[in-house]
Amino acid sequence: MVGLFLDIIVEYLIRVIGRAIKRYRSRGWPTVRATVSSSECPKRSGCNLAEVIYLYCVNGERYSGTNKKPFLSHDSAEEYIRHFAPGTEFTVRVKPDDPEVSIVP
């Protein structure tokens, strides 16, 4: 039981650190408005993930992205996705030389 809990903590920390690195590296990228296509918090083993799928346009081309944010509790993940109902708009950063790559700041 303790081993499983430690596995969840380690997975959570790796995901948080990975997200922080990506956000830091993308800090100079231009921003565009994105629209939520769907959001969910599926039950899974390991740390909980809130998943937000979104659509955005760059130079008239449509793209999609997925934001997967880790949480230690399922309730916290559910609370997060309540802010991302389908149709909700928010800002994403887009990689200048590859608009298929985006990140939620």
PDB file of N, CA and C in Angstrom:
ATOM      1  N   MET A   1       0.821  -1.189   0.000  1.00  0.00           N
ATOM      2  CA  MET A   1       0.000   0.000   0.000  1.00  0.00           C
ATOM      3  C   MET A   1       0.872   1.264   0.000  1.00  0.00           C
ATOM      4  N   VAL A   2       1.897   1.296   0.838  1.00  0.00           N
ATOM      5  CA  VAL A   2       2.788   2.456   0.887  1.00  0.00           C
ATOM      6  C   VAL A   2       3.523   2.597  -0.436  1.00  0.00           C
ATOM      7  N   GLY A   3       3.902   1.463  -1.040  1.00  0.00           N
ATOM      8  CA  GLY A   3       4.602   1.500  -2.326  1.00  0.00           C
ATOM      9  C   GLY A   3       3.753   2.131  -3.409  1.00  0.00           C
ATOM     10  N   LEU A   4       2.463   1.805  -3.452  1.00  0.00           N
ATOM     11  CA  LEU A   4       1.556   2.384  -4.438  1.00  0.00           C
ATOM     12  C   LEU A   4       1.429   3.889  -4.229  1.00  0.00           C
ATOM     13  N   PHE A   5       1.296   4.306  -2.988  1.00  0.00           N
ATOM     14  CA  PHE A   5       1.195   5.733  -2.685  1.00  0.00           C
ATOM     15  C   PHE A   5       2.459   6.466  -3.128  1.00  0.00           C
ATOM     16  N   LEU A   6       3.619   5.880  -2.869  1.00  0.00           N
ATOM     17  CA  LEU A   6       4.879   6.503  -3.300  1.00  0.00           C
ATOM     18  C   LEU A   6       4.963   6.574  -4.822  1.00  0.00           C
ATOM     19  N   ASP A   7       4.481   5.533  -5.504  1.00  0.00           N
ATOM     20  CA  ASP A   7       4.462   5.551  -6.966  1.00  0.00           C
ATOM     21  C   ASP A   7       3.622   6.716  -7.485  1.00  0.00           C
ATOM     22  N   ILE A   8       2.479   6.947  -6.851  1.00  0.00           N
ATOM     23  CA  ILE A   8       1.598   8.042  -7.261  1.00  0.00           C
ATOM     24  C   ILE A   8       2.286   9.382  -7.037  1.00  0.00           C
ATOM     25  N   ILE A   9       2.935   9.534  -5.894  1.00  0.00           N
ATOM     26  CA  ILE A   9       3.648  10.786  -5.588  1.00  0.00           C
ATOM     27  C   ILE A   9       4.771  11.023  -6.596  1.00  0.00           C
ATOM     28  N   VAL A  10       5.532   9.990  -6.905  1.00  0.00           N
ATOM     29  CA  VAL A  10       6.642  10.118  -7.861  1.00  0.00           C
ATOM     30  C   VAL A  10       6.104  10.492  -9.240  1.00  0.00           C
ATOM     31  N   GLU A  11       5.038   9.812  -9.694  1.00  0.00           N
ATOM     32  CA  GLU A  11       4.446  10.138 -10.991  1.00  0.00           C
ATOM     33  C   GLU A  11       3.960  11.585 -11.002  1.00  0.00           C
ATOM     34  N   TYR A  12       3.291  11.998  -9.942  1.00  0.00           N
ATOM     35  CA  TYR A  12       2.787  13.365  -9.836  1.00  0.00           C
ATOM     36  C   TYR A  12       3.943  14.369  -9.944  1.00  0.00           C
ATOM     37  N   LEU A  13       5.005  14.156  -9.182  1.00  0.00           N
ATOM     38  CA  LEU A  13       6.148  15.076  -9.194  1.00  0.00           C
ATOM     39  C   LEU A  13       6.815  15.148 -10.563  1.00  0.00           C
ATOM     40  N   ILE A  14       6.960  14.011 -11.227  1.00  0.00           N
ATOM     41  CA  ILE A  14       7.564  13.991 -12.569  1.00  0.00           C
ATOM     42  C   ILE A  14       6.700  14.794 -13.542  1.00  0.00           C
ATOM     43  N   ARG A  15       5.383  14.610 -13.474  1.00  0.00           N
ATOM     44  CA  ARG A  15       4.478  15.346 -14.361  1.00  0.00           C
ATOM     45  C   ARG A  15       4.510  16.852 -14.063  1.00  0.00           C
ATOM     46  N   VAL A  16       4.530  17.232 -12.788  1.00  0.00           N
ATOM     47  CA  VAL A  16       4.568  18.649 -12.422  1.00  0.00           C
ATOM     48  C   VAL A  16       5.870  19.289 -12.898  1.00  0.00           C
ATOM     49  N   ILE A  17       6.979  18.624 -12.688  1.00  0.00           N
ATOM     50  CA  ILE A  17       8.276  19.157 -13.121  1.00  0.00           C
ATOM     51  C   ILE A  17       8.328  19.257 -14.649  1.00  0.00           C
ATOM     52  N   GLY A  18       7.846  18.234 -15.342  1.00  0.00           N
ATOM     53  CA  GLY A  18       7.820  18.263 -16.809  1.00  0.00           C
ATOM     54  C   GLY A  18       6.984  19.421 -17.337  1.00  0.00           C
ATOM     55  N   ARG A  19       5.814  19.644 -16.726  1.00  0.00           N
ATOM     56  CA  ARG A  19       4.962  20.772 -17.133  1.00  0.00           C
ATOM     57  C   ARG A  19       5.651  22.100 -16.875  1.00  0.00           C
ATOM     58  N   ALA A  20       6.325  22.217 -15.735  1.00  0.00           N
ATOM     59  CA  ALA A  20       7.010  23.468 -15.394  1.00  0.00           C
ATOM     60  C   ALA A  20       8.121  23.773 -16.404  1.00  0.00           C
ATOM     61  N   ILE A  21       8.850  22.754 -16.810  1.00  0.00           N
ATOM     62  CA  ILE A  21       9.924  22.939 -17.796  1.00  0.00           C
ATOM     63  C   ILE A  21       9.338  23.389 -19.130  1.00  0.00           C
ATOM     64  N   LYS A  22       8.263  22.742 -19.578  1.00  0.00           N
ATOM     65  CA  LYS A  22       7.627  23.121 -20.846  1.00  0.00           C
ATOM     66  C   LYS A  22       7.091  24.546 -20.785  1.00  0.00           C
ATOM     67  N   ARG A  23       6.480  24.911 -19.672  1.00  0.00           N
ATOM     68  CA  ARG A  23       5.956  26.270 -19.527  1.00  0.00           C
ATOM     69  C   ARG A  23       7.087  27.290 -19.547  1.00  0.00           C
ATOM     70  N   TYR A  24       8.191  26.978 -18.891  1.00  0.00           N
ATOM     71  CA  TYR A  24       9.333  27.890 -18.870  1.00  0.00           C
ATOM     72  C   TYR A  24       9.909  28.067 -20.275  1.00  0.00           C
ATOM     73  N   ARG A  25      10.081  26.966 -20.991  1.00  0.00           N
ATOM     74  CA  ARG A  25      10.659  27.032 -22.334  1.00  0.00           C
ATOM     75  C   ARG A  25       9.754  27.758 -23.322  1.00  0.00           C
ATOM     76  N   SER A  26       8.454  27.775 -23.060  1.00  0.00           N
ATOM     77  CA  SER A  26       7.516  28.393 -24.000  1.00  0.00           C
ATOM     78  C   SER A  26       7.160  29.831 -23.623  1.00  0.00           C
ATOM     79  N   ARG A  27       7.814  30.384 -22.632  1.00  0.00           N
ATOM     80  CA  ARG A  27       7.417  31.705 -22.108  1.00  0.00           C
ATOM     81  C   ARG A  27       7.484  32.813 -23.148  1.00  0.00           C
ATOM     82  N   GLY A  28       8.302  32.687 -24.181  1.00  0.00           N
ATOM     83  CA  GLY A  28       8.408  33.715 -25.209  1.00  0.00           C
ATOM     84  C   GLY A  28       7.550  33.455 -26.439  1.00  0.00           C
ATOM     85  N   TRP A  29       6.814  32.352 -26.462  1.00  0.00           N
ATOM     86  CA  TRP A  29       5.989  32.024 -27.617  1.00  0.00           C
ATOM     87  C   TRP A  29       4.786  32.976 -27.694  1.00  0.00           C
ATOM     88  N   PRO A  30       4.314  33.246 -28.906  1.00  0.00           N
ATOM     89  CA  PRO A  30       3.111  34.074 -29.038  1.00  0.00           C
ATOM     90  C   PRO A  30       1.879  33.337 -28.506  1.00  0.00           C
ATOM     91  N   THR A  31       0.877  34.109 -28.127  1.00  0.00           N
ATOM     92  CA  THR A  31      -0.352  33.518 -27.596  1.00  0.00           C
ATOM     93  C   THR A  31      -1.501  33.680 -28.592  1.00  0.00           C
ATOM     94  N   VAL A  32      -2.423  32.740 -28.532  1.00  0.00           N
ATOM     95  CA  VAL A  32      -3.661  32.790 -29.309  1.00  0.00           C
ATOM     96  C   VAL A  32      -4.800  32.333 -28.398  1.00  0.00           C
ATOM     97  N   ARG A  33      -6.016  32.627 -28.818  1.00  0.00           N
ATOM     98  CA  ARG A  33      -7.188  32.174 -28.079  1.00  0.00           C
ATOM     99  C   ARG A  33      -7.526  30.762 -28.528  1.00  0.00           C
ATOM    100  N   ALA A  34      -7.876  29.936 -27.565  1.00  0.00           N
ATOM    101  CA  ALA A  34      -8.280  28.555 -27.829  1.00  0.00           C
ATOM    102  C   ALA A  34      -9.683  28.354 -27.260  1.00  0.00           C
ATOM    103  N   THR A  35     -10.375  27.366 -27.798  1.00  0.00           N
ATOM    104  CA  THR A  35     -11.721  27.035 -27.345  1.00  0.00           C
ATOM    105  C   THR A  35     -11.751  25.582 -26.902  1.00  0.00           C
ATOM    106  N   VAL A  36     -12.315  25.347 -25.722  1.00  0.00           N
ATOM    107  CA  VAL A  36     -12.402  23.991 -25.189  1.00  0.00           C
ATOM    108  C   VAL A  36     -13.338  23.155 -26.049  1.00  0.00           C
ATOM    109  N   SER A  37     -12.844  22.010 -26.474  1.00  0.00           N
ATOM    110  CA  SER A  37     -13.648  21.048 -27.215  1.00  0.00           C
ATOM    111  C   SER A  37     -14.298  20.064 -26.241  1.00  0.00           C
ATOM    112  N   SER A  38     -13.503  19.580 -25.295  1.00  0.00           N
ATOM    113  CA  SER A  38     -14.017  18.681 -24.256  1.00  0.00           C
ATOM    114  C   SER A  38     -13.059  18.682 -23.071  1.00  0.00           C
ATOM    115  N   SER A  39     -13.574  18.251 -21.938  1.00  0.00           N
ATOM    116  CA  SER A  39     -12.724  18.115 -20.748  1.00  0.00           C
ATOM    117  C   SER A  39     -13.247  16.944 -19.932  1.00  0.00           C
ATOM    118  N   GLU A  40     -12.319  16.255 -19.303  1.00  0.00           N
ATOM    119  CA  GLU A  40     -12.700  15.106 -18.496  1.00  0.00           C
ATOM    120  C   GLU A  40     -11.624  14.817 -17.461  1.00  0.00           C
ATOM    121  N   CYS A  41     -12.006  14.026 -16.510  1.00  0.00           N
ATOM    122  CA  CYS A  41     -11.086  13.576 -15.471  1.00  0.00           C
ATOM    123  C   CYS A  41     -11.328  12.078 -15.287  1.00  0.00           C
ATOM    124  N   PRO A  42     -10.771  11.273 -16.189  1.00  0.00           N
ATOM    125  CA  PRO A  42     -11.047   9.840 -16.133  1.00  0.00           C
ATOM    126  C   PRO A  42     -10.441   9.181 -14.895  1.00  0.00           C
ATOM    127  N   LYS A  43     -11.147   8.214 -14.373  1.00  0.00           N
ATOM    128  CA  LYS A  43     -10.613   7.427 -13.252  1.00  0.00           C
ATOM    129  C   LYS A  43      -9.475   6.574 -13.799  1.00  0.00           C
ATOM    130  N   ARG A  44      -8.379   6.538 -13.078  1.00  0.00           N
ATOM    131  CA  ARG A  44      -7.218   5.754 -13.518  1.00  0.00           C
ATOM    132  C   ARG A  44      -6.368   5.410 -12.317  1.00  0.00           C
ATOM    133  N   SER A  45      -5.494   4.454 -12.501  1.00  0.00           N
ATOM    134  CA  SER A  45      -4.512   4.181 -11.456  1.00  0.00           C
ATOM    135  C   SER A  45      -3.391   5.204 -11.618  1.00  0.00           C
ATOM    136  N   GLY A  46      -2.679   5.496 -10.581  1.00  0.00           N
ATOM    137  CA  GLY A  46      -1.649   6.527 -10.641  1.00  0.00           C
ATOM    138  C   GLY A  46      -2.226   7.864 -10.244  1.00  0.00           C
ATOM    139  N   CYS A  47      -1.485   8.925 -10.539  1.00  0.00           N
ATOM    140  CA  CYS A  47      -1.991  10.248 -10.169  1.00  0.00           C
ATOM    141  C   CYS A  47      -3.152  10.617 -11.086  1.00  0.00           C
ATOM    142  N   ASN A  48      -4.012  11.466 -10.590  1.00  0.00           N
ATOM    143  CA  ASN A  48      -5.187  11.893 -11.347  1.00  0.00           C
ATOM    144  C   ASN A  48      -4.788  12.936 -12.377  1.00  0.00           C
ATOM    145  N   LEU A  49      -5.412  12.857 -13.545  1.00  0.00           N
ATOM    146  CA  LEU A  49      -5.140  13.814 -14.608  1.00  0.00           C
ATOM    147  C   LEU A  49      -6.441  14.472 -15.049  1.00  0.00           C
ATOM    148  N   ALA A  50      -6.419  15.782 -15.124  1.00  0.00           N
ATOM    149  CA  ALA A  50      -7.507  16.522 -15.749  1.00  0.00           C
ATOM    150  C   ALA A  50      -7.075  16.741 -17.196  1.00  0.00           C
ATOM    151  N   GLU A  51      -7.917  16.356 -18.134  1.00  0.00           N
ATOM    152  CA  GLU A  51      -7.580  16.465 -19.548  1.00  0.00           C
ATOM    153  C   GLU A  51      -8.525  17.448 -20.228  1.00  0.00           C
ATOM    154  N   VAL A  52      -7.951  18.466 -20.853  1.00  0.00           N
ATOM    155  CA  VAL A  52      -8.722  19.467 -21.576  1.00  0.00           C
ATOM    156  C   VAL A  52      -8.260  19.437 -23.031  1.00  0.00           C
ATOM    157  N   ILE A  53      -9.186  19.149 -23.927  1.00  0.00           N
ATOM    158  CA  ILE A  53      -8.895  19.147 -25.362  1.00  0.00           C
ATOM    159  C   ILE A  53      -9.420  20.463 -25.924  1.00  0.00           C
ATOM    160  N   TYR A  54      -8.572  21.146 -26.694  1.00  0.00           N
ATOM    161  CA  TYR A  54      -8.935  22.469 -27.184  1.00  0.00           C
ATOM    162  C   TYR A  54      -8.561  22.630 -28.653  1.00  0.00           C
ATOM    163  N   LEU A  55      -9.192  23.637 -29.282  1.00  0.00           N
ATOM    164  CA  LEU A  55      -8.957  23.974 -30.680  1.00  0.00           C
ATOM    165  C   LEU A  55      -8.473  25.424 -30.757  1.00  0.00           C
ATOM    166  N   TYR A  56      -7.584  25.703 -31.720  1.00  0.00           N
ATOM    167  CA  TYR A  56      -7.094  27.066 -31.919  1.00  0.00           C
ATOM    168  C   TYR A  56      -6.695  27.235 -33.375  1.00  0.00           C
ATOM    169  N   CYS A  57      -6.597  28.487 -33.811  1.00  0.00           N
ATOM    170  CA  CYS A  57      -6.229  28.804 -35.194  1.00  0.00           C
ATOM    171  C   CYS A  57      -4.955  29.634 -35.220  1.00  0.00           C
ATOM    172  N   VAL A  58      -4.107  29.331 -36.200  1.00  0.00           N
ATOM    173  CA  VAL A  58      -2.898  30.112 -36.468  1.00  0.00           C
ATOM    174  C   VAL A  58      -2.833  30.304 -37.975  1.00  0.00           C
ATOM    175  N   ASN A  59      -2.807  31.547 -38.411  1.00  0.00           N
ATOM    176  CA  ASN A  59      -2.750  31.883 -39.845  1.00  0.00           C
ATOM    177  C   ASN A  59      -3.843  31.175 -40.647  1.00  0.00           C
ATOM    178  N   GLY A  60      -5.025  31.118 -40.083  1.00  0.00           N
ATOM    179  CA  GLY A  60      -6.169  30.511 -40.764  1.00  0.00           C
ATOM    180  C   GLY A  60      -6.223  28.998 -40.717  1.00  0.00           C
ATOM    181  N   GLU A  61      -5.222  28.356 -40.150  1.00  0.00           N
ATOM    182  CA  GLU A  61      -5.194  26.890 -40.019  1.00  0.00           C
ATOM    183  C   GLU A  61      -5.684  26.494 -38.640  1.00  0.00           C
ATOM    184  N   ARG A  62      -6.493  25.439 -38.576  1.00  0.00           N
ATOM    185  CA  ARG A  62      -7.017  24.950 -37.293  1.00  0.00           C
ATOM    186  C   ARG A  62      -6.114  23.852 -36.730  1.00  0.00           C
ATOM    187  N   TYR A  63      -5.923  23.911 -35.420  1.00  0.00           N
ATOM    188  CA  TYR A  63      -5.111  22.921 -34.710  1.00  0.00           C
ATOM    189  C   TYR A  63      -5.838  22.517 -33.437  1.00  0.00           C
ATOM    190  N   SER A  64      -5.389  21.405 -32.876  1.00  0.00           N
ATOM    191  CA  SER A  64      -5.938  20.978 -31.589  1.00  0.00           C
ATOM    192  C   SER A  64      -4.796  20.651 -30.648  1.00  0.00           C
ATOM    193  N   GLY A  65      -5.095  20.714 -29.369  1.00  0.00           N
ATOM    194  CA  GLY A  65      -4.108  20.388 -28.351  1.00  0.00           C
ATOM    195  C   GLY A  65      -4.793  19.767 -27.155  1.00  0.00           C
ATOM    196  N   THR A  66      -4.001  19.147 -26.307  1.00  0.00           N
ATOM    197  CA  THR A  66      -4.518  18.540 -25.090  1.00  0.00           C
ATOM    198  C   THR A  66      -3.670  19.006 -23.924  1.00  0.00           C
ATOM    199  N   ASN A  67      -4.332  19.497 -22.908  1.00  0.00           N
ATOM    200  CA  ASN A  67      -3.670  19.899 -21.678  1.00  0.00           C
ATOM    201  C   ASN A  67      -3.962  18.824 -20.629  1.00  0.00           C
ATOM    202  N   LYS A  68      -2.922  18.159 -20.151  1.00  0.00           N
ATOM    203  CA  LYS A  68      -3.068  17.142 -19.109  1.00  0.00           C
ATOM    204  C   LYS A  68      -2.394  17.659 -17.847  1.00  0.00           C
ATOM    205  N   LYS A  69      -3.216  18.009 -16.862  1.00  0.00           N
ATOM    206  CA  LYS A  69      -2.688  18.559 -15.618  1.00  0.00           C
ATOM    207  C   LYS A  69      -2.829  17.524 -14.505  1.00  0.00           C
ATOM    208  N   PRO A  70      -1.740  17.234 -13.789  1.00  0.00           N
ATOM    209  CA  PRO A  70      -1.799  16.219 -12.726  1.00  0.00           C
ATOM    210  C   PRO A  70      -2.342  16.776 -11.411  1.00  0.00           C
ATOM    211  N   PHE A  71      -3.005  15.903 -10.677  1.00  0.00           N
ATOM    212  CA  PHE A  71      -3.536  16.218  -9.351  1.00  0.00           C
ATOM    213  C   PHE A  71      -3.365  15.004  -8.453  1.00  0.00           C
ATOM    214  N   LEU A  72      -3.234  15.267  -7.174  1.00  0.00           N
ATOM    215  CA  LEU A  72      -3.149  14.152  -6.223  1.00  0.00           C
ATOM    216  C   LEU A  72      -4.527  13.604  -5.870  1.00  0.00           C
ATOM    217  N   SER A  73      -5.544  14.457  -5.918  1.00  0.00           N
ATOM    218  CA  SER A  73      -6.891  13.974  -5.605  1.00  0.00           C
ATOM    219  C   SER A  73      -7.806  14.122  -6.814  1.00  0.00           C
ATOM    220  N   HIS A  74      -8.709  13.171  -6.940  1.00  0.00           N
ATOM    221  CA  HIS A  74      -9.674  13.199  -8.041  1.00  0.00           C
ATOM    222  C   HIS A  74     -10.589  14.417  -7.912  1.00  0.00           C
ATOM    223  N   ASP A  75     -10.960  14.766  -6.696  1.00  0.00           N
ATOM    224  CA  ASP A  75     -11.831  15.925  -6.465  1.00  0.00           C
ATOM    225  C   ASP A  75     -11.179  17.218  -6.974  1.00  0.00           C
ATOM    226  N   SER A  76      -9.886  17.378  -6.753  1.00  0.00           N
ATOM    227  CA  SER A  76      -9.183  18.578  -7.234  1.00  0.00           C
ATOM    228  C   SER A  76      -9.164  18.619  -8.762  1.00  0.00           C
ATOM    229  N   ALA A  77      -8.955  17.484  -9.383  1.00  0.00           N
ATOM    230  CA  ALA A  77      -8.964  17.419 -10.844  1.00  0.00           C
ATOM    231  C   ALA A  77     -10.351  17.762 -11.383  1.00  0.00           C
ATOM    232  N   GLU A  78     -11.393  17.245 -10.741  1.00  0.00           N
ATOM    233  CA  GLU A  78     -12.766  17.553 -11.147  1.00  0.00           C
ATOM    234  C   GLU A  78     -13.050  19.048 -11.005  1.00  0.00           C
ATOM    235  N   GLU A  79     -12.585  19.641  -9.924  1.00  0.00           N
ATOM    236  CA  GLU A  79     -12.783  21.081  -9.709  1.00  0.00           C
ATOM    237  C   GLU A  79     -12.090  21.882 -10.812  1.00  0.00           C
ATOM    238  N   TYR A  80     -10.905  21.476 -11.212  1.00  0.00           N
ATOM    239  CA  TYR A  80     -10.154  22.159 -12.264  1.00  0.00           C
ATOM    240  C   TYR A  80     -10.918  22.138 -13.584  1.00  0.00           C
ATOM    241  N   ILE A  81     -11.428  20.970 -13.990  1.00  0.00           N
ATOM    242  CA  ILE A  81     -12.087  20.893 -15.298  1.00  0.00           C
ATOM    243  C   ILE A  81     -13.436  21.620 -15.319  1.00  0.00           C
ATOM    244  N   ARG A  82     -13.991  21.930 -14.157  1.00  0.00           N
ATOM    245  CA  ARG A  82     -15.233  22.721 -14.136  1.00  0.00           C
ATOM    246  C   ARG A  82     -15.019  24.104 -14.759  1.00  0.00           C
ATOM    247  N   HIS A  83     -13.780  24.557 -14.751  1.00  0.00           N
ATOM    248  CA  HIS A  83     -13.456  25.855 -15.357  1.00  0.00           C
ATOM    249  C   HIS A  83     -13.287  25.757 -16.869  1.00  0.00           C
ATOM    250  N   PHE A  84     -13.348  24.536 -17.405  1.00  0.00           N
ATOM    251  CA  PHE A  84     -13.099  24.308 -18.826  1.00  0.00           C
ATOM    252  C   PHE A  84     -14.256  23.558 -19.484  1.00  0.00           C
ATOM    253  N   ALA A  85     -15.441  24.127 -19.363  1.00  0.00           N
ATOM    254  CA  ALA A  85     -16.607  23.551 -20.035  1.00  0.00           C
ATOM    255  C   ALA A  85     -16.446  23.735 -21.543  1.00  0.00           C
ATOM    256  N   PRO A  86     -16.994  22.828 -22.341  1.00  0.00           N
ATOM    257  CA  PRO A  86     -16.918  23.003 -23.793  1.00  0.00           C
ATOM    258  C   PRO A  86     -17.419  24.389 -24.213  1.00  0.00           C
ATOM    259  N   GLY A  87     -16.660  25.025 -25.117  1.00  0.00           N
ATOM    260  CA  GLY A  87     -16.990  26.361 -25.584  1.00  0.00           C
ATOM    261  C   GLY A  87     -16.266  27.472 -24.840  1.00  0.00           C
ATOM    262  N   THR A  88     -15.676  27.153 -23.690  1.00  0.00           N
ATOM    263  CA  THR A  88     -14.926  28.141 -22.922  1.00  0.00           C
ATOM    264  C   THR A  88     -13.669  28.542 -23.689  1.00  0.00           C
ATOM    265  N   GLU A  89     -13.366  29.824 -23.689  1.00  0.00           N
ATOM    266  CA  GLU A  89     -12.151  30.304 -24.343  1.00  0.00           C
ATOM    267  C   GLU A  89     -11.070  30.609 -23.312  1.00  0.00           C
ATOM    268  N   PHE A  90      -9.829  30.387 -23.705  1.00  0.00           N
ATOM    269  CA  PHE A  90      -8.677  30.683 -22.867  1.00  0.00           C
ATOM    270  C   PHE A  90      -7.463  30.858 -23.762  1.00  0.00           C
ATOM    271  N   THR A  91      -6.343  31.251 -23.191  1.00  0.00           N
ATOM    272  CA  THR A  91      -5.131  31.540 -23.949  1.00  0.00           C
ATOM    273  C   THR A  91      -4.167  30.360 -23.930  1.00  0.00           C
ATOM    274  N   VAL A  92      -3.567  30.100 -25.091  1.00  0.00           N
ATOM    275  CA  VAL A  92      -2.498  29.102 -25.184  1.00  0.00           C
ATOM    276  C   VAL A  92      -1.292  29.754 -25.856  1.00  0.00           C
ATOM    277  N   ARG A  93      -0.130  29.208 -25.606  1.00  0.00           N
ATOM    278  CA  ARG A  93       1.093  29.640 -26.289  1.00  0.00           C
ATOM    279  C   ARG A  93       1.338  28.668 -27.441  1.00  0.00           C
ATOM    280  N   VAL A  94       1.799  29.212 -28.561  1.00  0.00           N
ATOM    281  CA  VAL A  94       2.021  28.405 -29.758  1.00  0.00           C
ATOM    282  C   VAL A  94       3.477  28.536 -30.193  1.00  0.00           C
ATOM    283  N   LYS A  95       4.100  27.411 -30.479  1.00  0.00           N
ATOM    284  CA  LYS A  95       5.491  27.404 -30.923  1.00  0.00           C
ATOM    285  C   LYS A  95       5.583  28.121 -32.269  1.00  0.00           C
ATOM    286  N   PRO A  96       6.421  29.159 -32.376  1.00  0.00           N
ATOM    287  CA  PRO A  96       6.451  29.988 -33.591  1.00  0.00           C
ATOM    288  C   PRO A  96       6.745  29.216 -34.881  1.00  0.00           C
ATOM    289  N   ASP A  97       7.676  28.281 -34.853  1.00  0.00           N
ATOM    290  CA  ASP A  97       8.036  27.565 -36.082  1.00  0.00           C
ATOM    291  C   ASP A  97       7.287  26.248 -36.252  1.00  0.00           C
ATOM    292  N   ASP A  98       6.396  25.921 -35.332  1.00  0.00           N
ATOM    293  CA  ASP A  98       5.616  24.681 -35.433  1.00  0.00           C
ATOM    294  C   ASP A  98       4.280  24.887 -34.710  1.00  0.00           C
ATOM    295  N   PRO A  99       3.281  25.488 -35.382  1.00  0.00           N
ATOM    296  CA  PRO A  99       2.029  25.825 -34.717  1.00  0.00           C
ATOM    297  C   PRO A  99       1.209  24.630 -34.240  1.00  0.00           C
ATOM    298  N   GLU A 100       1.628  23.424 -34.599  1.00  0.00           N
ATOM    299  CA  GLU A 100       0.943  22.237 -34.080  1.00  0.00           C
ATOM    300  C   GLU A 100       1.281  22.024 -32.595  1.00  0.00           C
ATOM    301  N   VAL A 101       2.329  22.695 -32.132  1.00  0.00           N
ATOM    302  CA  VAL A 101       2.757  22.554 -30.732  1.00  0.00           C
ATOM    303  C   VAL A 101       2.245  23.747 -29.952  1.00  0.00           C
ATOM    304  N   SER A 102       1.471  23.456 -28.914  1.00  0.00           N
ATOM    305  CA  SER A 102       0.934  24.510 -28.059  1.00  0.00           C
ATOM    306  C   SER A 102       0.999  24.075 -26.611  1.00  0.00           C
ATOM    307  N   ILE A 103       0.890  25.064 -25.732  1.00  0.00           N
ATOM    308  CA  ILE A 103       0.936  24.772 -24.298  1.00  0.00           C
ATOM    309  C   ILE A 103       0.052  25.772 -23.570  1.00  0.00           C
ATOM    310  N   VAL A 104      -0.578  25.291 -22.522  1.00  0.00           N
ATOM    311  CA  VAL A 104      -1.387  26.167 -21.679  1.00  0.00           C
ATOM    312  C   VAL A 104      -0.463  26.808 -20.654  1.00  0.00           C
ATOM    313  N   PRO A 105      -0.381  28.145 -20.658  1.00  0.00           N
ATOM    314  CA  PRO A 105       0.536  28.798 -19.713  1.00  0.00           C
ATOM    315  C   PRO A 105       0.089  28.690 -18.264  1.00  0.00           C
TER     316      PRO A 105
END
